[in-house]
């Protein structure tokens, strides 16, 4: 139980440090923390069943477009697909 409280405290401290608009380094760090929170299993277990089909398609389209814009084909296969 003590470990659980420590994890919850650490998680709260991390989410409180998500701040955008100060500088590029802070934006990158905040985006990293935001995405980690967003992809947390507990978050996704609640969120995914509530998404409409168009929400799923829009999310996949957005993320795919970002990867196509910033990854080479080799990077996409090696980093994202782990080939």
C-alpha atoms as a PDB file:
ATOM      1  CA  UNK A   1       0.000   0.000   0.000  1.00  0.00           C
ATOM      2  CA  UNK A   2       2.861   2.349   0.841  1.00  0.00           C
ATOM      3  CA  UNK A   3       4.397   1.760  -2.608  1.00  0.00           C
ATOM      4  CA  UNK A   4       1.032   2.563  -4.258  1.00  0.00           C
ATOM      5  CA  UNK A   5       0.856   5.956  -2.477  1.00  0.00           C
ATOM      6  CA  UNK A   6       4.403   6.714  -3.589  1.00  0.00           C
ATOM      7  CA  UNK A   7       3.536   5.858  -7.217  1.00  0.00           C
ATOM      8  CA  UNK A   8       0.396   8.016  -7.077  1.00  0.00           C
ATOM      9  CA  UNK A   9       2.436  10.897  -5.648  1.00  0.00           C
ATOM     10  CA  UNK A  10       5.072  10.527  -8.357  1.00  0.00           C
ATOM     11  CA  UNK A  11       2.392  10.423 -11.048  1.00  0.00           C
ATOM     12  CA  UNK A  12       0.718  13.544  -9.663  1.00  0.00           C
ATOM     13  CA  UNK A  13       4.049  15.376  -9.550  1.00  0.00           C
ATOM     14  CA  UNK A  14       4.721  14.418 -13.169  1.00  0.00           C
ATOM     15  CA  UNK A  15       1.324  15.571 -14.395  1.00  0.00           C
ATOM     16  CA  UNK A  16       1.699  18.851 -12.540  1.00  0.00           C
ATOM     17  CA  UNK A  17       4.920  19.506 -14.461  1.00  0.00           C
ATOM     18  CA  UNK A  18       3.108  19.368 -17.821  1.00  0.00           C
ATOM     19  CA  UNK A  19       3.320  22.967 -18.999  1.00  0.00           C
ATOM     20  CA  UNK A  20       3.294  24.259 -22.561  1.00  0.00           C
ATOM     21  CA  UNK A  21       4.367  27.571 -24.020  1.00  0.00           C
ATOM     22  CA  UNK A  22       7.499  28.491 -22.077  1.00  0.00           C
ATOM     23  CA  UNK A  23      10.181  27.153 -24.393  1.00  0.00           C
ATOM     24  CA  UNK A  24      10.882  24.307 -26.780  1.00  0.00           C
ATOM     25  CA  UNK A  25      12.630  22.091 -24.218  1.00  0.00           C
ATOM     26  CA  UNK A  26       9.745  22.404 -21.763  1.00  0.00           C
ATOM     27  CA  UNK A  27       7.210  21.763 -24.542  1.00  0.00           C
ATOM     28  CA  UNK A  28       9.033  18.588 -25.594  1.00  0.00           C
ATOM     29  CA  UNK A  29       9.289  17.374 -21.995  1.00  0.00           C
ATOM     30  CA  UNK A  30       5.634  18.187 -21.335  1.00  0.00           C
ATOM     31  CA  UNK A  31       4.529  16.398 -24.498  1.00  0.00           C
ATOM     32  CA  UNK A  32       6.515  13.342 -23.431  1.00  0.00           C
ATOM     33  CA  UNK A  33       4.794  13.312 -20.034  1.00  0.00           C
ATOM     34  CA  UNK A  34       1.380  13.979 -21.601  1.00  0.00           C
ATOM     35  CA  UNK A  35       1.745  11.100 -24.053  1.00  0.00           C
ATOM     36  CA  UNK A  36       2.892   8.753 -21.285  1.00  0.00           C
ATOM     37  CA  UNK A  37      -0.197   9.648 -19.272  1.00  0.00           C
ATOM     38  CA  UNK A  38      -2.425   9.335 -22.326  1.00  0.00           C
ATOM     39  CA  UNK A  39      -1.142   5.840 -23.091  1.00  0.00           C
ATOM     40  CA  UNK A  40      -1.427   4.612 -19.506  1.00  0.00           C
ATOM     41  CA  UNK A  41      -3.357   1.328 -19.462  1.00  0.00           C
ATOM     42  CA  UNK A  42      -5.931   2.605 -16.947  1.00  0.00           C
ATOM     43  CA  UNK A  43      -6.588   5.701 -19.056  1.00  0.00           C
ATOM     44  CA  UNK A  44      -6.930   3.719 -22.270  1.00  0.00           C
ATOM     45  CA  UNK A  45      -9.129   1.066 -20.665  1.00  0.00           C
ATOM     46  CA  UNK A  46     -11.672   3.799 -19.882  1.00  0.00           C
ATOM     47  CA  UNK A  47     -11.187   5.970 -22.958  1.00  0.00           C
ATOM     48  CA  UNK A  48     -11.074   3.490 -25.842  1.00  0.00           C
ATOM     49  CA  UNK A  49     -14.555   1.990 -25.420  1.00  0.00           C
ATOM     50  CA  UNK A  50     -15.980   5.534 -25.368  1.00  0.00           C
ATOM     51  CA  UNK A  51     -14.385   6.649 -28.633  1.00  0.00           C
ATOM     52  CA  UNK A  52     -16.548   6.901 -31.690  1.00  0.00           C
ATOM     53  CA  UNK A  53     -15.323   5.310 -34.906  1.00  0.00           C
ATOM     54  CA  UNK A  54     -14.437   8.727 -36.333  1.00  0.00           C
ATOM     55  CA  UNK A  55     -12.360   9.494 -33.200  1.00  0.00           C
ATOM     56  CA  UNK A  56     -10.306   6.350 -33.752  1.00  0.00           C
ATOM     57  CA  UNK A  57      -9.807   7.092 -37.447  1.00  0.00           C
ATOM     58  CA  UNK A  58      -8.889  10.741 -36.766  1.00  0.00           C
ATOM     59  CA  UNK A  59      -6.343   9.736 -34.101  1.00  0.00           C
ATOM     60  CA  UNK A  60      -4.696   7.121 -36.316  1.00  0.00           C
ATOM     61  CA  UNK A  61      -4.676   9.526 -39.278  1.00  0.00           C
ATOM     62  CA  UNK A  62      -3.110  12.311 -37.189  1.00  0.00           C
ATOM     63  CA  UNK A  63      -0.376  10.109 -35.728  1.00  0.00           C
ATOM     64  CA  UNK A  64       0.354   8.466 -39.073  1.00  0.00           C
ATOM     65  CA  UNK A  65       0.673  11.881 -40.736  1.00  0.00           C
ATOM     66  CA  UNK A  66       3.097  13.034 -38.021  1.00  0.00           C
ATOM     67  CA  UNK A  67       5.248   9.932 -38.517  1.00  0.00           C
ATOM     68  CA  UNK A  68       5.191  10.258 -42.318  1.00  0.00           C
ATOM     69  CA  UNK A  69       6.283  13.880 -41.992  1.00  0.00           C
ATOM     70  CA  UNK A  70       9.155  13.265 -39.573  1.00  0.00           C
ATOM     71  CA  UNK A  71      10.347   9.659 -40.065  1.00  0.00           C
ATOM     72  CA  UNK A  72      12.201   8.183 -42.967  1.00  0.00           C
ATOM     73  CA  UNK A  73      10.830   4.866 -44.178  1.00  0.00           C
ATOM     74  CA  UNK A  74      13.715   3.101 -42.420  1.00  0.00           C
ATOM     75  CA  UNK A  75      13.002   4.942 -39.134  1.00  0.00           C
ATOM     76  CA  UNK A  76       9.313   4.068 -39.362  1.00  0.00           C
ATOM     77  CA  UNK A  77      10.099   0.382 -39.800  1.00  0.00           C
ATOM     78  CA  UNK A  78      12.856   0.198 -37.226  1.00  0.00           C
ATOM     79  CA  UNK A  79      11.467   2.533 -34.545  1.00  0.00           C
ATOM     80  CA  UNK A  80       7.709   2.195 -34.814  1.00  0.00           C
ATOM     81  CA  UNK A  81       7.306  -1.305 -36.237  1.00  0.00           C
ATOM     82  CA  UNK A  82      10.441  -2.648 -34.479  1.00  0.00           C
ATOM     83  CA  UNK A  83      11.450  -4.595 -37.576  1.00  0.00           C
END
